[in-house]
Amino acid sequence: MEETMEAYKSYQKRRNHCRTRLVYGAFGMFLLFSMPAPANPSDESPVILSQTPMELKPYAIALGQRLYRPGKERIVASGSLTYFGDNPPQTEAVRITWQFPLKARLERDGTLLAFDRSNPRKAMPEAKKAVDAIQLLLEDSVEGLYALQKERISRRYLGSGFKLEGVKASDPGMDVVLMTYPDHFHSEQPIQKSYWFDSGTKLLGVVAYTSASGAAMHIVISDWRDVSGEKFPFCIERWEDNKLMIRLVLDSAAFMAGANDGLFGGK
């Protein structure tokens, strides 16, 4: 639980960090991205609340309706992606398409990275930062938590209202869910992640775990906004041993029905 405590402390310090926005002139290139028209409706079902463990239901409902009613399985967003592991940090304008479950497409600087985790023949990107970005987009989210329920996982609900010594009385308590599942993006070995939700809003704040290399990882999810009745985070950060490695800051997001249109290079 040490990494979860560190993640919670970081969450308290950084939960408002992404509300200060930078404006990049490169966002004009978003107009150049084309969006393929959906061909056929997706045959993937959203989360069925009647089959969802009781302790997990509030986190699906808190998002709006997209996880339990058909018609909003796909999310299209535009923003900027910064890699702080580079010197100097590199920022790129990006367009991202998610589709439940576990599909993502990242368009940046004239290049395309698409990944469908349900397609075992799809090659994993070779560059580490590309792998880290895809894992961030797919697994380390509320959508990822629910999509992974279909796999061989171990799950434990630790409870609600967790607070650490030294936090302000006004700081929110946290619900904590532990999940263990194979790390398909790196070692293929079981990895345990803790998902920390605000006990009041039931929105995800932190995902914490120890990587296969032993690094303390935590994903900070913040700047939740209402978009057409759906809650969605406009800032996501990946920290490694207390060093900021990746920051995704969004400008816009839209929800639509999923489709089997080959957009993600899978089935």
C-alpha atoms as a PDB file:
ATOM      1  CA  MET A   1       0.000   0.000   0.000  1.00  0.00           C
ATOM      2  CA  GLU A   2       3.022   2.361   0.140  1.00  0.00           C
ATOM      3  CA  GLU A   3       2.655   3.375  -3.496  1.00  0.00           C
ATOM      4  CA  THR A   4      -1.051   4.055  -2.996  1.00  0.00           C
ATOM      5  CA  MET A   5      -0.291   6.367  -0.078  1.00  0.00           C
ATOM      6  CA  GLU A   6       2.295   8.221  -2.147  1.00  0.00           C
ATOM      7  CA  ALA A   7      -0.206   8.474  -4.984  1.00  0.00           C
ATOM      8  CA  TYR A   8      -2.824   9.916  -2.654  1.00  0.00           C
ATOM      9  CA  LYS A   9      -0.398  12.557  -1.369  1.00  0.00           C
ATOM     10  CA  SER A  10       0.512  13.472  -4.952  1.00  0.00           C
ATOM     11  CA  TYR A  11      -3.165  13.626  -5.875  1.00  0.00           C
ATOM     12  CA  GLN A  12      -3.862  16.122  -3.068  1.00  0.00           C
ATOM     13  CA  LYS A  13      -0.971  18.318  -4.232  1.00  0.00           C
ATOM     14  CA  ARG A  14      -1.689  18.138  -7.940  1.00  0.00           C
ATOM     15  CA  ARG A  15      -5.469  17.810  -8.240  1.00  0.00           C
ATOM     16  CA  ASN A  16      -5.752  21.455  -9.389  1.00  0.00           C
ATOM     17  CA  HIS A  17      -2.447  21.528 -11.233  1.00  0.00           C
ATOM     18  CA  CYS A  18      -3.846  20.973 -14.701  1.00  0.00           C
ATOM     19  CA  ARG A  19      -6.436  23.730 -14.461  1.00  0.00           C
ATOM     20  CA  THR A  20      -3.807  26.218 -15.584  1.00  0.00           C
ATOM     21  CA  ARG A  21      -3.777  25.731 -19.309  1.00  0.00           C
ATOM     22  CA  LEU A  22      -1.116  26.411 -21.928  1.00  0.00           C
ATOM     23  CA  VAL A  23      -2.110  27.497 -25.402  1.00  0.00           C
ATOM     24  CA  TYR A  24      -0.159  25.995 -28.278  1.00  0.00           C
ATOM     25  CA  GLY A  25      -0.315  27.482 -31.748  1.00  0.00           C
ATOM     26  CA  ALA A  26       0.149  23.967 -33.112  1.00  0.00           C
ATOM     27  CA  PHE A  27      -3.481  23.186 -32.343  1.00  0.00           C
ATOM     28  CA  GLY A  28      -4.365  24.553 -35.768  1.00  0.00           C
ATOM     29  CA  MET A  29      -3.202  21.277 -37.261  1.00  0.00           C
ATOM     30  CA  PHE A  30      -6.228  19.550 -35.709  1.00  0.00           C
ATOM     31  CA  LEU A  31      -8.223  20.732 -38.674  1.00  0.00           C
ATOM     32  CA  LEU A  32      -6.043  18.570 -40.880  1.00  0.00           C
ATOM     33  CA  PHE A  33      -6.999  15.333 -39.140  1.00  0.00           C
ATOM     34  CA  SER A  34      -9.690  13.347 -40.871  1.00  0.00           C
ATOM     35  CA  MET A  35     -12.218  11.146 -39.076  1.00  0.00           C
ATOM     36  CA  PRO A  36     -13.263   8.000 -40.951  1.00  0.00           C
ATOM     37  CA  ALA A  37     -17.023   7.600 -41.120  1.00  0.00           C
ATOM     38  CA  PRO A  38     -18.443   4.726 -39.043  1.00  0.00           C
ATOM     39  CA  ALA A  39     -19.264   1.685 -41.161  1.00  0.00           C
ATOM     40  CA  ASN A  40     -21.201  -0.646 -38.864  1.00  0.00           C
ATOM     41  CA  PRO A  41     -22.370  -0.256 -35.284  1.00  0.00           C
ATOM     42  CA  SER A  42     -20.029  -1.761 -32.728  1.00  0.00           C
ATOM     43  CA  ASP A  43     -21.006  -5.202 -31.468  1.00  0.00           C
ATOM     44  CA  GLU A  44     -19.321  -4.540 -28.112  1.00  0.00           C
ATOM     45  CA  SER A  45     -21.776  -4.176 -25.236  1.00  0.00           C
ATOM     46  CA  PRO A  46     -21.431  -1.447 -22.628  1.00  0.00           C
ATOM     47  CA  VAL A  47     -21.206  -2.298 -18.951  1.00  0.00           C
ATOM     48  CA  ILE A  48     -24.325  -4.085 -17.703  1.00  0.00           C
ATOM     49  CA  LEU A  49     -25.070  -2.688 -14.256  1.00  0.00           C
ATOM     50  CA  SER A  50     -27.120  -5.705 -13.195  1.00  0.00           C
ATOM     51  CA  GLN A  51     -23.993  -7.848 -13.686  1.00  0.00           C
ATOM     52  CA  THR A  52     -21.592  -5.344 -12.122  1.00  0.00           C
ATOM     53  CA  PRO A  53     -20.377  -5.893  -8.540  1.00  0.00           C
ATOM     54  CA  MET A  54     -22.239  -3.574  -6.184  1.00  0.00           C
ATOM     55  CA  GLU A  55     -19.095  -1.750  -5.053  1.00  0.00           C
ATOM     56  CA  LEU A  56     -18.188  -0.815  -8.654  1.00  0.00           C
ATOM     57  CA  LYS A  57     -21.569   0.541  -9.768  1.00  0.00           C
ATOM     58  CA  PRO A  58     -21.160   4.106  -8.385  1.00  0.00           C
ATOM     59  CA  TYR A  59     -18.061   4.738 -10.511  1.00  0.00           C
ATOM     60  CA  ALA A  60     -19.875   3.860 -13.738  1.00  0.00           C
ATOM     61  CA  ILE A  61     -22.924   5.959 -12.845  1.00  0.00           C
ATOM     62  CA  ALA A  62     -20.750   8.954 -11.869  1.00  0.00           C
ATOM     63  CA  LEU A  63     -19.495   9.263 -15.464  1.00  0.00           C
ATOM     64  CA  GLY A  64     -22.937   9.748 -16.975  1.00  0.00           C
ATOM     65  CA  GLN A  65     -24.544   7.077 -19.147  1.00  0.00           C
ATOM     66  CA  ARG A  66     -21.798   6.009 -21.549  1.00  0.00           C
ATOM     67  CA  LEU A  67     -20.764   2.864 -19.704  1.00  0.00           C
ATOM     68  CA  TYR A  68     -24.211   1.345 -19.330  1.00  0.00           C
ATOM     69  CA  ARG A  69     -26.325   2.656 -22.225  1.00  0.00           C
ATOM     70  CA  PRO A  70     -25.439   2.068 -25.901  1.00  0.00           C
ATOM     71  CA  GLY A  71     -24.592   4.995 -28.134  1.00  0.00           C
ATOM     72  CA  LYS A  72     -21.545   6.636 -26.533  1.00  0.00           C
ATOM     73  CA  GLU A  73     -18.881   3.936 -26.732  1.00  0.00           C
ATOM     74  CA  ARG A  74     -16.503   6.145 -28.754  1.00  0.00           C
ATOM     75  CA  ILE A  75     -14.739   9.290 -27.510  1.00  0.00           C
ATOM     76  CA  VAL A  76     -12.913  11.696 -29.825  1.00  0.00           C
ATOM     77  CA  ALA A  77     -10.706  14.324 -28.182  1.00  0.00           C
ATOM     78  CA  SER A  78      -8.077  16.893 -29.186  1.00  0.00           C
ATOM     79  CA  GLY A  79      -5.324  18.420 -27.096  1.00  0.00           C
ATOM     80  CA  SER A  80      -1.587  18.314 -26.412  1.00  0.00           C
ATOM     81  CA  LEU A  81       0.705  15.507 -25.280  1.00  0.00           C
ATOM     82  CA  THR A  82       3.992  16.353 -23.544  1.00  0.00           C
ATOM     83  CA  TYR A  83       6.840  13.905 -22.893  1.00  0.00           C
ATOM     84  CA  PHE A  84       8.960  15.172 -19.998  1.00  0.00           C
ATOM     85  CA  GLY A  85      11.461  12.335 -20.276  1.00  0.00           C
ATOM     86  CA  ASP A  86      12.953  14.148 -23.261  1.00  0.00           C
ATOM     87  CA  ASN A  87      15.376  17.050 -22.843  1.00  0.00           C
ATOM     88  CA  PRO A  88      13.891  19.515 -23.461  1.00  0.00           C
ATOM     89  CA  PRO A  89      10.286  18.258 -23.016  1.00  0.00           C
ATOM     90  CA  GLN A  90       8.474  17.715 -26.300  1.00  0.00           C
ATOM     91  CA  THR A  91       4.883  18.796 -26.803  1.00  0.00           C
ATOM     92  CA  GLU A  92       2.752  17.581 -29.701  1.00  0.00           C
ATOM     93  CA  ALA A  93      -0.751  18.412 -30.820  1.00  0.00           C
ATOM     94  CA  VAL A  94      -2.788  15.210 -30.781  1.00  0.00           C
ATOM     95  CA  ARG A  95      -6.149  13.802 -31.698  1.00  0.00           C
ATOM     96  CA  ILE A  96      -7.198  10.722 -29.720  1.00  0.00           C
ATOM     97  CA  THR A  97     -10.031   8.274 -30.339  1.00  0.00           C
ATOM     98  CA  TRP A  98     -11.027   5.785 -27.652  1.00  0.00           C
ATOM     99  CA  GLN A  99     -13.592   3.029 -28.023  1.00  0.00           C
ATOM    100  CA  PHE A 100     -14.841   0.735 -25.296  1.00  0.00           C
ATOM    101  CA  PRO A 101     -13.414  -1.744 -24.615  1.00  0.00           C
ATOM    102  CA  LEU A 102      -9.649  -1.156 -24.772  1.00  0.00           C
ATOM    103  CA  LYS A 103      -9.251   0.424 -28.192  1.00  0.00           C
ATOM    104  CA  ALA A 104      -7.296   3.628 -28.848  1.00  0.00           C
ATOM    105  CA  ARG A 105      -6.014   5.619 -31.809  1.00  0.00           C
ATOM    106  CA  LEU A 106      -3.445   8.411 -31.414  1.00  0.00           C
ATOM    107  CA  GLU A 107      -2.804  10.857 -34.266  1.00  0.00           C
ATOM    108  CA  ARG A 108       0.172  13.182 -33.809  1.00  0.00           C
ATOM    109  CA  ASP A 109       2.562  15.146 -35.991  1.00  0.00           C
ATOM    110  CA  GLY A 110       1.507  13.328 -39.139  1.00  0.00           C
ATOM    111  CA  THR A 111       1.918   9.880 -37.571  1.00  0.00           C
ATOM    112  CA  LEU A 112      -0.662   7.342 -36.457  1.00  0.00           C
ATOM    113  CA  LEU A 113      -0.610   4.843 -33.592  1.00  0.00           C
ATOM    114  CA  ALA A 114      -3.633   2.525 -33.293  1.00  0.00           C
ATOM    115  CA  PHE A 115      -4.088  -0.289 -30.828  1.00  0.00           C
ATOM    116  CA  ASP A 116      -6.845  -2.839 -30.228  1.00  0.00           C
ATOM    117  CA  ARG A 117      -6.079  -4.930 -27.159  1.00  0.00           C
ATOM    118  CA  SER A 118      -8.586  -7.568 -28.258  1.00  0.00           C
ATOM    119  CA  ASN A 119      -6.420  -8.338 -31.305  1.00  0.00           C
ATOM    120  CA  PRO A 120      -3.517 -10.562 -30.132  1.00  0.00           C
ATOM    121  CA  ARG A 121      -1.773 -10.313 -33.498  1.00  0.00           C
ATOM    122  CA  LYS A 122      -1.466  -6.545 -33.306  1.00  0.00           C
ATOM    123  CA  ALA A 123       2.200  -5.700 -32.772  1.00  0.00           C
ATOM    124  CA  MET A 124       3.110  -3.695 -29.685  1.00  0.00           C
ATOM    125  CA  PRO A 125       4.843  -0.375 -30.461  1.00  0.00           C
ATOM    126  CA  GLU A 126       8.612  -0.596 -30.080  1.00  0.00           C
ATOM    127  CA  ALA A 127       9.224   2.815 -28.534  1.00  0.00           C
ATOM    128  CA  LYS A 128       8.820   2.785 -24.744  1.00  0.00           C
ATOM    129  CA  LYS A 129       7.118   6.169 -24.599  1.00  0.00           C
ATOM    130  CA  ALA A 130       4.573   5.017 -27.190  1.00  0.00           C
ATOM    131  CA  VAL A 131       3.838   1.895 -25.115  1.00  0.00           C
ATOM    132  CA  ASP A 132       3.518   4.026 -21.972  1.00  0.00           C
ATOM    133  CA  ALA A 133       1.123   6.419 -23.719  1.00  0.00           C
ATOM    134  CA  ILE A 134      -1.114   3.596 -24.965  1.00  0.00           C
ATOM    135  CA  GLN A 135      -1.194   1.960 -21.524  1.00  0.00           C
ATOM    136  CA  LEU A 136      -2.089   5.324 -20.018  1.00  0.00           C
ATOM    137  CA  LEU A 137      -4.940   5.798 -22.488  1.00  0.00           C
ATOM    138  CA  LEU A 138      -6.369   2.279 -22.237  1.00  0.00           C
ATOM    139  CA  GLU A 139      -5.895   0.725 -18.808  1.00  0.00           C
ATOM    140  CA  ASP A 140      -5.348   3.566 -16.363  1.00  0.00           C
ATOM    141  CA  SER A 141      -8.888   4.926 -16.515  1.00  0.00           C
ATOM    142  CA  VAL A 142     -12.420   4.140 -15.378  1.00  0.00           C
ATOM    143  CA  GLU A 143     -13.168   2.648 -18.792  1.00  0.00           C
ATOM    144  CA  GLY A 144     -10.079   0.478 -18.462  1.00  0.00           C
ATOM    145  CA  LEU A 145     -11.111  -0.752 -15.031  1.00  0.00           C
ATOM    146  CA  TYR A 146     -14.503  -1.931 -16.334  1.00  0.00           C
ATOM    147  CA  ALA A 147     -13.164  -3.388 -19.570  1.00  0.00           C
ATOM    148  CA  LEU A 148     -10.599  -5.430 -17.634  1.00  0.00           C
ATOM    149  CA  GLN A 149     -13.356  -7.094 -15.612  1.00  0.00           C
ATOM    150  CA  LYS A 150     -13.852  -9.419 -18.592  1.00  0.00           C
ATOM    151  CA  GLU A 151     -10.314 -10.778 -18.220  1.00  0.00           C
ATOM    152  CA  ARG A 152      -8.693 -13.001 -15.622  1.00  0.00           C
ATOM    153  CA  ILE A 153      -8.318 -10.564 -12.755  1.00  0.00           C
ATOM    154  CA  SER A 154      -8.274 -10.488  -8.988  1.00  0.00           C
ATOM    155  CA  ARG A 155     -10.221  -7.599  -7.456  1.00  0.00           C
ATOM    156  CA  ARG A 156     -10.607  -6.335  -3.907  1.00  0.00           C
ATOM    157  CA  TYR A 157     -12.584  -3.336  -2.665  1.00  0.00           C
ATOM    158  CA  LEU A 158     -10.727  -1.832   0.312  1.00  0.00           C
ATOM    159  CA  GLY A 159     -13.422   0.622   1.377  1.00  0.00           C
ATOM    160  CA  SER A 160     -14.382   4.290   1.351  1.00  0.00           C
ATOM    161  CA  GLY A 161     -13.303   7.533   3.027  1.00  0.00           C
ATOM    162  CA  PHE A 162      -9.559   6.881   3.303  1.00  0.00           C
ATOM    163  CA  LYS A 163      -7.571   9.895   4.511  1.00  0.00           C
ATOM    164  CA  LEU A 164      -3.940  10.189   5.456  1.00  0.00           C
ATOM    165  CA  GLU A 165      -2.448  12.032   8.392  1.00  0.00           C
ATOM    166  CA  GLY A 166      -1.751  15.662   7.604  1.00  0.00           C
ATOM    167  CA  VAL A 167      -4.410  16.276   4.943  1.00  0.00           C
ATOM    168  CA  LYS A 168      -6.874  19.128   5.330  1.00  0.00           C
ATOM    169  CA  ALA A 169     -10.325  18.462   6.731  1.00  0.00           C
ATOM    170  CA  SER A 170     -11.744  19.801   3.463  1.00  0.00           C
ATOM    171  CA  ASP A 171      -9.761  17.339   1.334  1.00  0.00           C
ATOM    172  CA  PRO A 172     -11.926  14.512   0.006  1.00  0.00           C
ATOM    173  CA  GLY A 173     -11.772  10.982   1.306  1.00  0.00           C
ATOM    174  CA  MET A 174     -10.978   8.272  -1.195  1.00  0.00           C
ATOM    175  CA  ASP A 175     -12.448   4.890  -2.167  1.00  0.00           C
ATOM    176  CA  VAL A 176      -9.807   2.317  -3.059  1.00  0.00           C
ATOM    177  CA  VAL A 177     -10.159  -0.657  -5.416  1.00  0.00           C
ATOM    178  CA  LEU A 178      -7.254  -3.091  -5.929  1.00  0.00           C
ATOM    179  CA  MET A 179      -6.969  -5.100  -9.154  1.00  0.00           C
ATOM    180  CA  THR A 180      -4.382  -7.648 -10.245  1.00  0.00           C
ATOM    181  CA  TYR A 181      -4.084  -8.739 -13.883  1.00  0.00           C
ATOM    182  CA  PRO A 182      -1.363  -9.600 -16.454  1.00  0.00           C
ATOM    183  CA  ASP A 183       0.749  -6.653 -17.607  1.00  0.00           C
ATOM    184  CA  HIS A 184       0.365  -7.162 -21.359  1.00  0.00           C
ATOM    185  CA  PHE A 185       2.161  -3.910 -22.143  1.00  0.00           C
ATOM    186  CA  HIS A 186       5.474  -4.729 -20.491  1.00  0.00           C
ATOM    187  CA  SER A 187       6.345  -7.934 -18.618  1.00  0.00           C
ATOM    188  CA  GLU A 188       3.277 -10.199 -19.059  1.00  0.00           C
ATOM    189  CA  GLN A 189       3.600 -10.797 -15.314  1.00  0.00           C
ATOM    190  CA  PRO A 190       0.747 -10.078 -12.870  1.00  0.00           C
ATOM    191  CA  ILE A 191       0.611  -6.449 -11.820  1.00  0.00           C
ATOM    192  CA  GLN A 192      -1.435  -4.983  -8.974  1.00  0.00           C
ATOM    193  CA  LYS A 193      -2.933  -1.531  -9.406  1.00  0.00           C
ATOM    194  CA  SER A 194      -4.891   0.568  -6.946  1.00  0.00           C
ATOM    195  CA  TYR A 195      -7.646   2.818  -8.282  1.00  0.00           C
ATOM    196  CA  TRP A 196      -8.412   5.781  -5.997  1.00  0.00           C
ATOM    197  CA  PHE A 197     -11.837   7.420  -6.386  1.00  0.00           C
ATOM    198  CA  ASP A 198     -13.100  10.614  -4.737  1.00  0.00           C
ATOM    199  CA  SER A 199     -15.540   9.357  -2.081  1.00  0.00           C
ATOM    200  CA  GLY A 200     -17.886  12.257  -2.773  1.00  0.00           C
ATOM    201  CA  THR A 201     -17.976  12.556  -6.557  1.00  0.00           C
ATOM    202  CA  LYS A 202     -16.956   8.914  -7.235  1.00  0.00           C
ATOM    203  CA  LEU A 203     -14.627  10.202  -9.976  1.00  0.00           C
ATOM    204  CA  LEU A 204     -11.202   8.602 -10.439  1.00  0.00           C
ATOM    205  CA  GLY A 205      -8.252  10.609  -9.080  1.00  0.00           C
ATOM    206  CA  VAL A 206      -5.229   8.290  -9.036  1.00  0.00           C
ATOM    207  CA  VAL A 207      -4.095   4.923 -10.374  1.00  0.00           C
ATOM    208  CA  ALA A 208      -0.997   3.647  -8.540  1.00  0.00           C
ATOM    209  CA  TYR A 209       1.226   0.608  -8.979  1.00  0.00           C
ATOM    210  CA  THR A 210       4.808  -0.655  -9.032  1.00  0.00           C
ATOM    211  CA  SER A 211       6.141  -1.354 -12.515  1.00  0.00           C
ATOM    212  CA  ALA A 212       7.994  -4.507 -13.546  1.00  0.00           C
ATOM    213  CA  SER A 213      11.246  -2.537 -13.213  1.00  0.00           C
ATOM    214  CA  GLY A 214      10.393  -1.575  -9.633  1.00  0.00           C
ATOM    215  CA  ALA A 215       9.482   2.051 -10.304  1.00  0.00           C
ATOM    216  CA  ALA A 216       6.675   3.623  -8.287  1.00  0.00           C
ATOM    217  CA  MET A 217       4.058   4.698 -10.834  1.00  0.00           C
ATOM    218  CA  HIS A 218       1.031   6.856 -10.362  1.00  0.00           C
ATOM    219  CA  ILE A 219      -1.401   8.297 -12.858  1.00  0.00           C
ATOM    220  CA  VAL A 220      -3.085  11.536 -11.773  1.00  0.00           C
ATOM    221  CA  ILE A 221      -6.484  12.148 -13.401  1.00  0.00           C
ATOM    222  CA  SER A 222      -7.962  15.634 -12.933  1.00  0.00           C
ATOM    223  CA  ASP A 223      -9.877  18.568 -14.424  1.00  0.00           C
ATOM    224  CA  TRP A 224     -13.099  16.589 -14.759  1.00  0.00           C
ATOM    225  CA  ARG A 225     -15.653  18.440 -16.905  1.00  0.00           C
ATOM    226  CA  ASP A 226     -19.210  17.939 -18.037  1.00  0.00           C
ATOM    227  CA  VAL A 227     -19.477  17.230 -21.769  1.00  0.00           C
ATOM    228  CA  SER A 228     -23.039  16.720 -22.978  1.00  0.00           C
ATOM    229  CA  GLY A 229     -24.010  15.102 -19.695  1.00  0.00           C
ATOM    230  CA  GLU A 230     -20.869  12.928 -19.481  1.00  0.00           C
ATOM    231  CA  LYS A 231     -17.995  13.495 -17.049  1.00  0.00           C
ATOM    232  CA  PHE A 232     -14.554  13.357 -18.637  1.00  0.00           C
ATOM    233  CA  PRO A 233     -11.026  14.267 -17.412  1.00  0.00           C
ATOM    234  CA  PHE A 234      -9.198  16.956 -19.381  1.00  0.00           C
ATOM    235  CA  CYS A 235      -5.812  16.378 -17.731  1.00  0.00           C
ATOM    236  CA  ILE A 236      -3.986  13.049 -17.259  1.00  0.00           C
ATOM    237  CA  GLU A 237      -0.426  12.745 -15.953  1.00  0.00           C
ATOM    238  CA  ARG A 238       1.944   9.784 -15.643  1.00  0.00           C
ATOM    239  CA  TRP A 239       4.523  10.021 -12.830  1.00  0.00           C
ATOM    240  CA  GLU A 240       7.439   7.632 -12.377  1.00  0.00           C
ATOM    241  CA  ASP A 241       9.362   7.701  -9.078  1.00  0.00           C
ATOM    242  CA  ASN A 242       7.871  11.149  -8.418  1.00  0.00           C
ATOM    243  CA  LYS A 243       9.046  12.482 -11.784  1.00  0.00           C
ATOM    244  CA  LEU A 244       6.487  13.717 -14.289  1.00  0.00           C
ATOM    245  CA  MET A 245       6.930  11.730 -17.510  1.00  0.00           C
ATOM    246  CA  ILE A 246       3.787  12.303 -19.607  1.00  0.00           C
ATOM    247  CA  ARG A 247       1.051  14.936 -19.487  1.00  0.00           C
ATOM    248  CA  LEU A 248      -2.048  14.895 -21.680  1.00  0.00           C
ATOM    249  CA  VAL A 249      -4.080  18.120 -21.660  1.00  0.00           C
ATOM    250  CA  LEU A 250      -7.282  18.152 -23.701  1.00  0.00           C
ATOM    251  CA  ASP A 251      -9.052  21.012 -25.431  1.00  0.00           C
ATOM    252  CA  SER A 252     -12.225  19.219 -26.451  1.00  0.00           C
ATOM    253  CA  ALA A 253     -14.013  15.879 -26.248  1.00  0.00           C
ATOM    254  CA  ALA A 254     -17.093  14.426 -27.946  1.00  0.00           C
ATOM    255  CA  PHE A 255     -19.031  11.179 -27.509  1.00  0.00           C
ATOM    256  CA  MET A 256     -20.608   9.044 -30.217  1.00  0.00           C
ATOM    257  CA  ALA A 257     -21.640   5.487 -30.985  1.00  0.00           C
ATOM    258  CA  GLY A 258     -18.913   2.918 -31.486  1.00  0.00           C
ATOM    259  CA  ALA A 259     -18.387   1.323 -34.883  1.00  0.00           C
ATOM    260  CA  ASN A 260     -16.639  -1.652 -36.490  1.00  0.00           C
ATOM    261  CA  ASP A 261     -14.877   0.496 -39.071  1.00  0.00           C
ATOM    262  CA  GLY A 262     -11.290  -0.730 -38.766  1.00  0.00           C
ATOM    263  CA  LEU A 263     -10.220   2.551 -37.186  1.00  0.00           C
ATOM    264  CA  PHE A 264      -8.110   0.762 -34.574  1.00  0.00           C
ATOM    265  CA  GLY A 265      -6.535  -1.825 -36.816  1.00  0.00           C
ATOM    266  CA  GLY A 266      -8.189  -4.719 -34.979  1.00  0.00           C
ATOM    267  CA  LYS A 267     -11.243  -6.834 -35.399  1.00  0.00           C
END
